[in-house]
Structure formats: structure tokens, C-alpha cells
Amino acid sequence: MGVPFDPKLSKLFRALGDDTRLLIMEQLRQRNDQSLFELCARLIEEHDITLTRQAITRHLNTLEEAHLITTAWRGRTKVHSLTADSFEETINPWLQPFFKGDVE
């Protein structure tokens, strides 16, 4: 029995394969509903990461495409939140055969 392939896995692993995106996810894990400005400020303050707002936006878009974060508008401010549901739904079916020993 082979490992089931899901195209969402490629997006998920791509999103998780970057240190900056992992730091963004950690910031959102600590506190959801952060704006781009807040995330940029926290990355500079806590991790000395001085990327442009456009670069952070690209990272946020990659995380959103992988369904690891969601965005919503609060008035005129776009806020970002972590969502672990998609991660679990995407990765668990792929990992199960490894845990069961079904992989050749």
C-alpha cells in the first residue's frame, strides 16, 4: 500500500520550509489577529528580521495558500490568524501509513 498523495502537501511543506514563515507562525501562535504592521514590528523586535512589508506579505500569502493562516478584515485593518485545522487535515492522512508500518 502506497502513501496517499495530496497536492496540498506540496504547498504545506513549501510553507513550512522557510524559517521566516515558521517565525511568523510562532508569532501568530502566541497571539492571533495581528496586522501586517504588528507582525513586522514583532519580527524586528524579537528576531532582528528586517524584511520589507512586501516580503512579509509574500510570506503571509504562502502561509494562506497552504491554509496555515486565515485573514479577515477588522474595519480597515487586515488581520492574520493561525489555523491548525488544515495542517492536521492535510498531514495526518499522509503520515498514517508511516505510523502503521504500511510503507514499503
PDB file of N, CA and C in Angstrom:
ATOM      1  N   MET A   1       0.852  -1.186   0.000  1.00  0.00           N
ATOM      2  CA  MET A   1       0.000   0.000   0.000  1.00  0.00           C
ATOM      3  C   MET A   1       0.891   1.240   0.000  1.00  0.00           C
ATOM      4  N   GLY A   2       0.608   2.152  -0.885  1.00  0.00           N
ATOM      5  CA  GLY A   2       1.401   3.371  -1.000  1.00  0.00           C
ATOM      6  C   GLY A   2       0.879   4.479  -0.114  1.00  0.00           C
ATOM      7  N   VAL A   3       1.645   5.537  -0.069  1.00  0.00           N
ATOM      8  CA  VAL A   3       1.260   6.715   0.702  1.00  0.00           C
ATOM      9  C   VAL A   3       0.350   7.566  -0.165  1.00  0.00           C
ATOM     10  N   PRO A   4      -0.840   7.957   0.344  1.00  0.00           N
ATOM     11  CA  PRO A   4      -1.740   8.771  -0.475  1.00  0.00           C
ATOM     12  C   PRO A   4      -1.124  10.133  -0.764  1.00  0.00           C
ATOM     13  N   PHE A   5      -1.237  10.557  -2.007  1.00  0.00           N
ATOM     14  CA  PHE A   5      -0.697  11.859  -2.398  1.00  0.00           C
ATOM     15  C   PHE A   5      -1.812  12.881  -2.414  1.00  0.00           C
ATOM     16  N   ASP A   6      -1.523  14.029  -1.859  1.00  0.00           N
ATOM     17  CA  ASP A   6      -2.458  15.141  -1.856  1.00  0.00           C
ATOM     18  C   ASP A   6      -1.668  16.370  -2.291  1.00  0.00           C
ATOM     19  N   PRO A   7      -2.079  17.060  -3.365  1.00  0.00           N
ATOM     20  CA  PRO A   7      -1.333  18.238  -3.826  1.00  0.00           C
ATOM     21  C   PRO A   7      -1.191  19.320  -2.760  1.00  0.00           C
ATOM     22  N   LYS A   8      -2.085  19.320  -1.766  1.00  0.00           N
ATOM     23  CA  LYS A   8      -1.974  20.310  -0.697  1.00  0.00           C
ATOM     24  C   LYS A   8      -0.695  20.109   0.114  1.00  0.00           C
ATOM     25  N   LEU A   9      -0.166  18.875   0.084  1.00  0.00           N
ATOM     26  CA  LEU A   9       1.064  18.595   0.829  1.00  0.00           C
ATOM     27  C   LEU A   9       2.235  19.426   0.323  1.00  0.00           C
ATOM     28  N   SER A  10       2.328  19.583  -0.987  1.00  0.00           N
ATOM     29  CA  SER A  10       3.430  20.374  -1.551  1.00  0.00           C
ATOM     30  C   SER A  10       3.386  21.805  -1.044  1.00  0.00           C
ATOM     31  N   LYS A  11       2.194  22.392  -1.022  1.00  0.00           N
ATOM     32  CA  LYS A  11       2.049  23.759  -0.519  1.00  0.00           C
ATOM     33  C   LYS A  11       2.367  23.825   0.968  1.00  0.00           C
ATOM     34  N   LEU A  12       1.921  22.800   1.693  1.00  0.00           N
ATOM     35  CA  LEU A  12       2.167  22.768   3.128  1.00  0.00           C
ATOM     36  C   LEU A  12       3.659  22.678   3.438  1.00  0.00           C
ATOM     37  N   PHE A  13       4.352  21.731   2.805  1.00  0.00           N
ATOM     38  CA  PHE A  13       5.776  21.573   3.071  1.00  0.00           C
ATOM     39  C   PHE A  13       6.578  22.773   2.576  1.00  0.00           C
ATOM     40  N   ARG A  14       6.160  23.372   1.471  1.00  0.00           N
ATOM     41  CA  ARG A  14       6.832  24.582   0.989  1.00  0.00           C
ATOM     42  C   ARG A  14       6.690  25.707   2.008  1.00  0.00           C
ATOM     43  N   ALA A  15       5.483  25.855   2.540  1.00  0.00           N
ATOM     44  CA  ALA A  15       5.244  26.906   3.525  1.00  0.00           C
ATOM     45  C   ALA A  15       6.047  26.672   4.797  1.00  0.00           C
ATOM     46  N   LEU A  16       6.172  25.428   5.208  1.00  0.00           N
ATOM     47  CA  LEU A  16       6.888  25.107   6.446  1.00  0.00           C
ATOM     48  C   LEU A  16       8.400  25.089   6.257  1.00  0.00           C
ATOM     49  N   GLY A  17       8.857  25.145   5.007  1.00  0.00           N
ATOM     50  CA  GLY A  17      10.284  25.037   4.726  1.00  0.00           C
ATOM     51  C   GLY A  17      11.055  26.337   4.782  1.00  0.00           C
ATOM     52  N   ASP A  18      10.518  27.352   5.417  1.00  0.00           N
ATOM     53  CA  ASP A  18      11.193  28.645   5.481  1.00  0.00           C
ATOM     54  C   ASP A  18      11.195  29.144   6.927  1.00  0.00           C
ATOM     55  N   ASP A  19      12.365  29.524   7.409  1.00  0.00           N
ATOM     56  CA  ASP A  19      12.495  29.964   8.798  1.00  0.00           C
ATOM     57  C   ASP A  19      11.639  31.187   9.116  1.00  0.00           C
ATOM     58  N   THR A  20      11.565  32.125   8.209  1.00  0.00           N
ATOM     59  CA  THR A  20      10.770  33.334   8.451  1.00  0.00           C
ATOM     60  C   THR A  20       9.300  32.983   8.595  1.00  0.00           C
ATOM     61  N   ARG A  21       8.810  32.091   7.738  1.00  0.00           N
ATOM     62  CA  ARG A  21       7.401  31.695   7.849  1.00  0.00           C
ATOM     63  C   ARG A  21       7.143  30.965   9.161  1.00  0.00           C
ATOM     64  N   LEU A  22       8.094  30.166   9.610  1.00  0.00           N
ATOM     65  CA  LEU A  22       7.936  29.489  10.902  1.00  0.00           C
ATOM     66  C   LEU A  22       7.888  30.505  12.042  1.00  0.00           C
ATOM     67  N   LEU A  23       8.701  31.561  11.947  1.00  0.00           N
ATOM     68  CA  LEU A  23       8.660  32.608  12.969  1.00  0.00           C
ATOM     69  C   LEU A  23       7.337  33.369  12.938  1.00  0.00           C
ATOM     70  N   ILE A  24       6.823  33.611  11.748  1.00  0.00           N
ATOM     71  CA  ILE A  24       5.515  34.270  11.630  1.00  0.00           C
ATOM     72  C   ILE A  24       4.446  33.404  12.281  1.00  0.00           C
ATOM     73  N   MET A  25       4.491  32.104  12.001  1.00  0.00           N
ATOM     74  CA  MET A  25       3.514  31.197  12.613  1.00  0.00           C
ATOM     75  C   MET A  25       3.648  31.196  14.137  1.00  0.00           C
ATOM     76  N   GLU A  26       4.870  31.241  14.628  1.00  0.00           N
ATOM     77  CA  GLU A  26       5.083  31.294  16.081  1.00  0.00           C
ATOM     78  C   GLU A  26       4.511  32.572  16.674  1.00  0.00           C
ATOM     79  N   GLN A  27       4.689  33.701  15.986  1.00  0.00           N
ATOM     80  CA  GLN A  27       4.114  34.960  16.461  1.00  0.00           C
ATOM     81  C   GLN A  27       2.585  34.873  16.507  1.00  0.00           C
ATOM     82  N   LEU A  28       2.000  34.243  15.502  1.00  0.00           N
ATOM     83  CA  LEU A  28       0.541  34.103  15.474  1.00  0.00           C
ATOM     84  C   LEU A  28       0.061  33.073  16.492  1.00  0.00           C
ATOM     85  N   ARG A  29       0.902  32.088  16.799  1.00  0.00           N
ATOM     86  CA  ARG A  29       0.536  31.120  17.838  1.00  0.00           C
ATOM     87  C   ARG A  29       0.463  31.825  19.189  1.00  0.00           C
ATOM     88  N   GLN A  30       1.375  32.749  19.414  1.00  0.00           N
ATOM     89  CA  GLN A  30       1.392  33.493  20.675  1.00  0.00           C
ATOM     90  C   GLN A  30       0.199  34.439  20.781  1.00  0.00           C
ATOM     91  N   ARG A  31      -0.179  35.037  19.637  1.00  0.00           N
ATOM     92  CA  ARG A  31      -1.323  35.961  19.640  1.00  0.00           C
ATOM     93  C   ARG A  31      -1.887  36.064  18.232  1.00  0.00           C
ATOM     94  N   ASN A  32      -3.110  35.612  18.064  1.00  0.00           N
ATOM     95  CA  ASN A  32      -3.780  35.691  16.767  1.00  0.00           C
ATOM     96  C   ASN A  32      -4.262  37.113  16.492  1.00  0.00           C
ATOM     97  N   ASP A  33      -4.830  37.294  15.316  1.00  0.00           N
ATOM     98  CA  ASP A  33      -5.416  38.576  14.893  1.00  0.00           C
ATOM     99  C   ASP A  33      -4.395  39.721  14.912  1.00  0.00           C
ATOM    100  N   GLN A  34      -3.251  39.489  14.257  1.00  0.00           N
ATOM    101  CA  GLN A  34      -2.234  40.530  14.150  1.00  0.00           C
ATOM    102  C   GLN A  34      -2.233  41.107  12.740  1.00  0.00           C
ATOM    103  N   SER A  35      -2.020  42.399  12.672  1.00  0.00           N
ATOM    104  CA  SER A  35      -1.923  43.079  11.383  1.00  0.00           C
ATOM    105  C   SER A  35      -0.512  42.903  10.824  1.00  0.00           C
ATOM    106  N   LEU A  36      -0.341  43.257   9.563  1.00  0.00           N
ATOM    107  CA  LEU A  36       0.973  43.221   8.933  1.00  0.00           C
ATOM    108  C   LEU A  36       1.957  44.093   9.710  1.00  0.00           C
ATOM    109  N   PHE A  37       1.514  45.276  10.102  1.00  0.00           N
ATOM    110  CA  PHE A  37       2.367  46.187  10.869  1.00  0.00           C
ATOM    111  C   PHE A  37       2.832  45.535  12.172  1.00  0.00           C
ATOM    112  N   GLU A  38       1.902  44.906  12.897  1.00  0.00           N
ATOM    113  CA  GLU A  38       2.262  44.265  14.159  1.00  0.00           C
ATOM    114  C   GLU A  38       3.258  43.131  13.946  1.00  0.00           C
ATOM    115  N   LEU A  39       3.023  42.313  12.918  1.00  0.00           N
ATOM    116  CA  LEU A  39       3.935  41.204  12.638  1.00  0.00           C
ATOM    117  C   LEU A  39       5.325  41.704  12.274  1.00  0.00           C
ATOM    118  N   CYS A  40       5.390  42.726  11.430  1.00  0.00           N
ATOM    119  CA  CYS A  40       6.692  43.296  11.058  1.00  0.00           C
ATOM    120  C   CYS A  40       7.413  43.810  12.297  1.00  0.00           C
ATOM    121  N   ALA A  41       6.710  44.523  13.161  1.00  0.00           N
ATOM    122  CA  ALA A  41       7.321  45.085  14.370  1.00  0.00           C
ATOM    123  C   ALA A  41       7.825  43.979  15.287  1.00  0.00           C
ATOM    124  N   ARG A  42       7.051  42.927  15.453  1.00  0.00           N
ATOM    125  CA  ARG A  42       7.461  41.826  16.331  1.00  0.00           C
ATOM    126  C   ARG A  42       8.659  41.070  15.753  1.00  0.00           C
ATOM    127  N   LEU A  43       8.680  40.878  14.441  1.00  0.00           N
ATOM    128  CA  LEU A  43       9.807  40.180  13.826  1.00  0.00           C
ATOM    129  C   LEU A  43      11.104  40.984  13.977  1.00  0.00           C
ATOM    130  N   ILE A  44      10.993  42.315  13.877  1.00  0.00           N
ATOM    131  CA  ILE A  44      12.168  43.163  14.074  1.00  0.00           C
ATOM    132  C   ILE A  44      12.593  43.131  15.538  1.00  0.00           C
ATOM    133  N   GLU A  45      11.635  43.341  16.419  1.00  0.00           N
ATOM    134  CA  GLU A  45      11.929  43.454  17.845  1.00  0.00           C
ATOM    135  C   GLU A  45      12.445  42.153  18.449  1.00  0.00           C
ATOM    136  N   GLU A  46      11.802  41.045  18.137  1.00  0.00           N
ATOM    137  CA  GLU A  46      12.126  39.788  18.808  1.00  0.00           C
ATOM    138  C   GLU A  46      13.152  38.929  18.064  1.00  0.00           C
ATOM    139  N   HIS A  47      13.263  39.122  16.738  1.00  0.00           N
ATOM    140  CA  HIS A  47      14.130  38.231  15.963  1.00  0.00           C
ATOM    141  C   HIS A  47      15.122  38.973  15.076  1.00  0.00           C
ATOM    142  N   ASP A  48      15.114  40.288  15.138  1.00  0.00           N
ATOM    143  CA  ASP A  48      16.019  41.113  14.338  1.00  0.00           C
ATOM    144  C   ASP A  48      15.894  40.826  12.836  1.00  0.00           C
ATOM    145  N   ILE A  49      14.674  40.547  12.398  1.00  0.00           N
ATOM    146  CA  ILE A  49      14.400  40.310  10.977  1.00  0.00           C
ATOM    147  C   ILE A  49      13.880  41.608  10.388  1.00  0.00           C
ATOM    148  N   THR A  50      14.615  42.150   9.435  1.00  0.00           N
ATOM    149  CA  THR A  50      14.273  43.452   8.864  1.00  0.00           C
ATOM    150  C   THR A  50      13.890  43.305   7.399  1.00  0.00           C
ATOM    151  N   LEU A  51      12.842  42.546   7.145  1.00  0.00           N
ATOM    152  CA  LEU A  51      12.327  42.403   5.786  1.00  0.00           C
ATOM    153  C   LEU A  51      11.333  43.522   5.505  1.00  0.00           C
ATOM    154  N   THR A  52      11.125  43.813   4.230  1.00  0.00           N
ATOM    155  CA  THR A  52      10.138  44.822   3.851  1.00  0.00           C
ATOM    156  C   THR A  52       8.733  44.293   4.116  1.00  0.00           C
ATOM    157  N   ARG A  53       7.794  45.214   4.168  1.00  0.00           N
ATOM    158  CA  ARG A  53       6.388  44.813   4.324  1.00  0.00           C
ATOM    159  C   ARG A  53       5.954  43.923   3.166  1.00  0.00           C
ATOM    160  N   GLN A  54       6.453  44.217   1.965  1.00  0.00           N
ATOM    161  CA  GLN A  54       6.108  43.405   0.797  1.00  0.00           C
ATOM    162  C   GLN A  54       6.628  41.976   0.944  1.00  0.00           C
ATOM    163  N   ALA A  55       7.827  41.824   1.479  1.00  0.00           N
ATOM    164  CA  ALA A  55       8.393  40.482   1.677  1.00  0.00           C
ATOM    165  C   ALA A  55       7.585  39.704   2.707  1.00  0.00           C
ATOM    166  N   ILE A  56       7.197  40.350   3.795  1.00  0.00           N
ATOM    167  CA  ILE A  56       6.381  39.686   4.815  1.00  0.00           C
ATOM    168  C   ILE A  56       5.019  39.330   4.231  1.00  0.00           C
ATOM    169  N   THR A  57       4.469  40.206   3.391  1.00  0.00           N
ATOM    170  CA  THR A  57       3.192  39.926   2.734  1.00  0.00           C
ATOM    171  C   THR A  57       3.293  38.684   1.865  1.00  0.00           C
ATOM    172  N   ARG A  58       4.391  38.523   1.140  1.00  0.00           N
ATOM    173  CA  ARG A  58       4.584  37.317   0.320  1.00  0.00           C
ATOM    174  C   ARG A  58       4.620  36.070   1.198  1.00  0.00           C
ATOM    175  N   HIS A  59       5.293  36.161   2.353  1.00  0.00           N
ATOM    176  CA  HIS A  59       5.326  35.030   3.282  1.00  0.00           C
ATOM    177  C   HIS A  59       3.916  34.720   3.803  1.00  0.00           C
ATOM    178  N   LEU A  60       3.169  35.767   4.135  1.00  0.00           N
ATOM    179  CA  LEU A  60       1.796  35.572   4.615  1.00  0.00           C
ATOM    180  C   LEU A  60       0.923  34.936   3.533  1.00  0.00           C
ATOM    181  N   ASN A  61       1.116  35.356   2.279  1.00  0.00           N
ATOM    182  CA  ASN A  61       0.349  34.761   1.171  1.00  0.00           C
ATOM    183  C   ASN A  61       0.663  33.279   1.015  1.00  0.00           C
ATOM    184  N   THR A  62       1.928  32.909   1.153  1.00  0.00           N
ATOM    185  CA  THR A  62       2.318  31.499   1.063  1.00  0.00           C
ATOM    186  C   THR A  62       1.679  30.694   2.183  1.00  0.00           C
ATOM    187  N   LEU A  63       1.674  31.238   3.387  1.00  0.00           N
ATOM    188  CA  LEU A  63       1.042  30.554   4.520  1.00  0.00           C
ATOM    189  C   LEU A  63      -0.461  30.429   4.320  1.00  0.00           C
ATOM    190  N   GLU A  64      -1.060  31.455   3.739  1.00  0.00           N
ATOM    191  CA  GLU A  64      -2.506  31.415   3.496  1.00  0.00           C
ATOM    192  C   GLU A  64      -2.844  30.400   2.404  1.00  0.00           C
ATOM    193  N   GLU A  65      -2.032  30.326   1.346  1.00  0.00           N
ATOM    194  CA  GLU A  65      -2.254  29.348   0.281  1.00  0.00           C
ATOM    195  C   GLU A  65      -2.161  27.916   0.805  1.00  0.00           C
ATOM    196  N   ALA A  66      -1.327  27.708   1.820  1.00  0.00           N
ATOM    197  CA  ALA A  66      -1.176  26.387   2.433  1.00  0.00           C
ATOM    198  C   ALA A  66      -2.233  26.145   3.510  1.00  0.00           C
ATOM    199  N   HIS A  67      -3.125  27.098   3.692  1.00  0.00           N
ATOM    200  CA  HIS A  67      -4.206  27.020   4.681  1.00  0.00           C
ATOM    201  C   HIS A  67      -3.681  26.896   6.105  1.00  0.00           C
ATOM    202  N   LEU A  68      -2.533  27.510   6.371  1.00  0.00           N
ATOM    203  CA  LEU A  68      -1.974  27.522   7.716  1.00  0.00           C
ATOM    204  C   LEU A  68      -2.397  28.760   8.493  1.00  0.00           C
ATOM    205  N   ILE A  69      -2.782  29.810   7.764  1.00  0.00           N
ATOM    206  CA  ILE A  69      -3.306  31.006   8.406  1.00  0.00           C
ATOM    207  C   ILE A  69      -4.568  31.448   7.670  1.00  0.00           C
ATOM    208  N   THR A  70      -5.338  32.267   8.341  1.00  0.00           N
ATOM    209  CA  THR A  70      -6.504  32.892   7.720  1.00  0.00           C
ATOM    210  C   THR A  70      -6.370  34.399   7.877  1.00  0.00           C
ATOM    211  N   THR A  71      -7.054  35.112   7.013  1.00  0.00           N
ATOM    212  CA  THR A  71      -7.062  36.569   7.120  1.00  0.00           C
ATOM    213  C   THR A  71      -8.505  37.047   7.193  1.00  0.00           C
ATOM    214  N   ALA A  72      -8.685  38.154   7.870  1.00  0.00           N
ATOM    215  CA  ALA A  72     -10.008  38.755   7.999  1.00  0.00           C
ATOM    216  C   ALA A  72      -9.823  40.260   8.118  1.00  0.00           C
ATOM    217  N   TRP A  73     -10.849  40.970   7.766  1.00  0.00           N
ATOM    218  CA  TRP A  73     -10.814  42.426   7.884  1.00  0.00           C
ATOM    219  C   TRP A  73     -11.502  42.834   9.173  1.00  0.00           C
ATOM    220  N   ARG A  74     -10.830  43.669   9.945  1.00  0.00           N
ATOM    221  CA  ARG A  74     -11.389  44.290  11.150  1.00  0.00           C
ATOM    222  C   ARG A  74     -11.408  45.782  10.859  1.00  0.00           C
ATOM    223  N   GLY A  75     -12.550  46.233  10.356  1.00  0.00           N
ATOM    224  CA  GLY A  75     -12.622  47.624   9.904  1.00  0.00           C
ATOM    225  C   GLY A  75     -11.741  47.780   8.681  1.00  0.00           C
ATOM    226  N   ARG A  76     -10.760  48.666   8.756  1.00  0.00           N
ATOM    227  CA  ARG A  76      -9.848  48.894   7.627  1.00  0.00           C
ATOM    228  C   ARG A  76      -8.540  48.127   7.765  1.00  0.00           C
ATOM    229  N   THR A  77      -8.449  47.280   8.804  1.00  0.00           N
ATOM    230  CA  THR A  77      -7.218  46.552   9.076  1.00  0.00           C
ATOM    231  C   THR A  77      -7.386  45.070   8.754  1.00  0.00           C
ATOM    232  N   LYS A  78      -6.453  44.539   7.991  1.00  0.00           N
ATOM    233  CA  LYS A  78      -6.442  43.119   7.674  1.00  0.00           C
ATOM    234  C   LYS A  78      -5.634  42.409   8.761  1.00  0.00           C
ATOM    235  N   VAL A  79      -6.241  41.424   9.403  1.00  0.00           N
ATOM    236  CA  VAL A  79      -5.557  40.700  10.476  1.00  0.00           C
ATOM    237  C   VAL A  79      -5.354  39.246  10.076  1.00  0.00           C
ATOM    238  N   HIS A  80      -4.322  38.649  10.639  1.00  0.00           N
ATOM    239  CA  HIS A  80      -3.916  37.289  10.300  1.00  0.00           C
ATOM    240  C   HIS A  80      -3.995  36.420  11.544  1.00  0.00           C
ATOM    241  N   SER A  81      -4.456  35.175  11.347  1.00  0.00           N
ATOM    242  CA  SER A  81      -4.591  34.236  12.462  1.00  0.00           C
ATOM    243  C   SER A  81      -4.115  32.861  12.040  1.00  0.00           C
ATOM    244  N   LEU A  82      -3.569  32.146  12.989  1.00  0.00           N
ATOM    245  CA  LEU A  82      -3.096  30.789  12.760  1.00  0.00           C
ATOM    246  C   LEU A  82      -4.274  29.832  12.788  1.00  0.00           C
ATOM    247  N   THR A  83      -4.262  28.847  11.901  1.00  0.00           N
ATOM    248  CA  THR A  83      -5.274  27.810  11.925  1.00  0.00           C
ATOM    249  C   THR A  83      -4.590  26.458  11.795  1.00  0.00           C
ATOM    250  N   ALA A  84      -4.692  25.651  12.815  1.00  0.00           N
ATOM    251  CA  ALA A  84      -4.019  24.349  12.808  1.00  0.00           C
ATOM    252  C   ALA A  84      -4.896  23.266  12.187  1.00  0.00           C
ATOM    253  N   ASP A  85      -6.169  23.529  11.990  1.00  0.00           N
ATOM    254  CA  ASP A  85      -7.074  22.510  11.452  1.00  0.00           C
ATOM    255  C   ASP A  85      -6.614  21.986  10.108  1.00  0.00           C
ATOM    256  N   SER A  86      -6.275  22.874   9.204  1.00  0.00           N
ATOM    257  CA  SER A  86      -5.861  22.466   7.873  1.00  0.00           C
ATOM    258  C   SER A  86      -4.582  21.651   7.916  1.00  0.00           C
ATOM    259  N   PHE A  87      -3.675  22.047   8.794  1.00  0.00           N
ATOM    260  CA  PHE A  87      -2.414  21.322   8.932  1.00  0.00           C
ATOM    261  C   PHE A  87      -2.706  19.871   9.305  1.00  0.00           C
ATOM    262  N   GLU A  88      -3.533  19.694  10.297  1.00  0.00           N
ATOM    263  CA  GLU A  88      -3.865  18.346  10.761  1.00  0.00           C
ATOM    264  C   GLU A  88      -4.608  17.559   9.683  1.00  0.00           C
ATOM    265  N   GLU A  89      -5.558  18.186   9.009  1.00  0.00           N
ATOM    266  CA  GLU A  89      -6.330  17.509   7.971  1.00  0.00           C
ATOM    267  C   GLU A  89      -5.463  17.097   6.785  1.00  0.00           C
ATOM    268  N   THR A  90      -4.444  17.876   6.485  1.00  0.00           N
ATOM    269  CA  THR A  90      -3.593  17.596   5.331  1.00  0.00           C
ATOM    270  C   THR A  90      -2.499  16.596   5.665  1.00  0.00           C
ATOM    271  N   ILE A  91      -1.874  16.751   6.814  1.00  0.00           N
ATOM    272  CA  ILE A  91      -0.699  15.936   7.123  1.00  0.00           C
ATOM    273  C   ILE A  91      -1.057  14.562   7.687  1.00  0.00           C
ATOM    274  N   ASN A  92      -2.129  14.459   8.464  1.00  0.00           N
ATOM    275  CA  ASN A  92      -2.457  13.179   9.096  1.00  0.00           C
ATOM    276  C   ASN A  92      -2.695  12.042   8.108  1.00  0.00           C
ATOM    277  N   PRO A  93      -3.493  12.225   7.048  1.00  0.00           N
ATOM    278  CA  PRO A  93      -3.681  11.113   6.110  1.00  0.00           C
ATOM    279  C   PRO A  93      -2.373  10.663   5.453  1.00  0.00           C
ATOM    280  N   TRP A  94      -1.467  11.599   5.278  1.00  0.00           N
ATOM    281  CA  TRP A  94      -0.191  11.267   4.656  1.00  0.00           C
ATOM    282  C   TRP A  94       0.705  10.510   5.638  1.00  0.00           C
ATOM    283  N   LEU A  95       0.648  10.870   6.920  1.00  0.00           N
ATOM    284  CA  LEU A  95       1.507  10.246   7.922  1.00  0.00           C
ATOM    285  C   LEU A  95       1.013   8.892   8.410  1.00  0.00           C
ATOM    286  N   GLN A  96      -0.282   8.644   8.374  1.00  0.00           N
ATOM    287  CA  GLN A  96      -0.841   7.415   8.941  1.00  0.00           C
ATOM    288  C   GLN A  96      -0.168   6.133   8.444  1.00  0.00           C
ATOM    289  N   PRO A  97       0.081   5.963   7.153  1.00  0.00           N
ATOM    290  CA  PRO A  97       0.738   4.722   6.713  1.00  0.00           C
ATOM    291  C   PRO A  97       2.129   4.528   7.334  1.00  0.00           C
ATOM    292  N   PHE A  98       2.832   5.622   7.615  1.00  0.00           N
ATOM    293  CA  PHE A  98       4.145   5.512   8.246  1.00  0.00           C
ATOM    294  C   PHE A  98       4.009   4.987   9.673  1.00  0.00           C
ATOM    295  N   PHE A  99       2.986   5.454  10.395  1.00  0.00           N
ATOM    296  CA  PHE A  99       2.774   5.008  11.770  1.00  0.00           C
ATOM    297  C   PHE A  99       2.321   3.549  11.818  1.00  0.00           C
ATOM    298  N   LYS A 100       1.545   3.141  10.825  1.00  0.00           N
ATOM    299  CA  LYS A 100       1.024   1.776  10.783  1.00  0.00           C
ATOM    300  C   LYS A 100       2.046   0.788  10.196  1.00  0.00           C
ATOM    301  N   GLY A 101       3.108   1.292   9.619  1.00  0.00           N
ATOM    302  CA  GLY A 101       4.101   0.413   9.006  1.00  0.00           C
ATOM    303  C   GLY A 101       3.684  -0.096   7.653  1.00  0.00           C
ATOM    304  N   ASP A 102       2.756   0.597   6.975  1.00  0.00           N
ATOM    305  CA  ASP A 102       2.259   0.164   5.668  1.00  0.00           C
ATOM    306  C   ASP A 102       3.127   0.623   4.504  1.00  0.00           C
ATOM    307  N   VAL A 103       4.189   1.329   4.780  1.00  0.00           N
ATOM    308  CA  VAL A 103       5.032   1.867   3.711  1.00  0.00           C
ATOM    309  C   VAL A 103       6.094   0.841   3.366  1.00  0.00           C
ATOM    310  N   GLU A 104       6.251   0.599   2.074  1.00  0.00           N
ATOM    311  CA  GLU A 104       7.241  -0.388   1.619  1.00  0.00           C
ATOM    312  C   GLU A 104       8.613   0.213   1.536  1.00  0.00           C
TER     313      GLU A 104
END
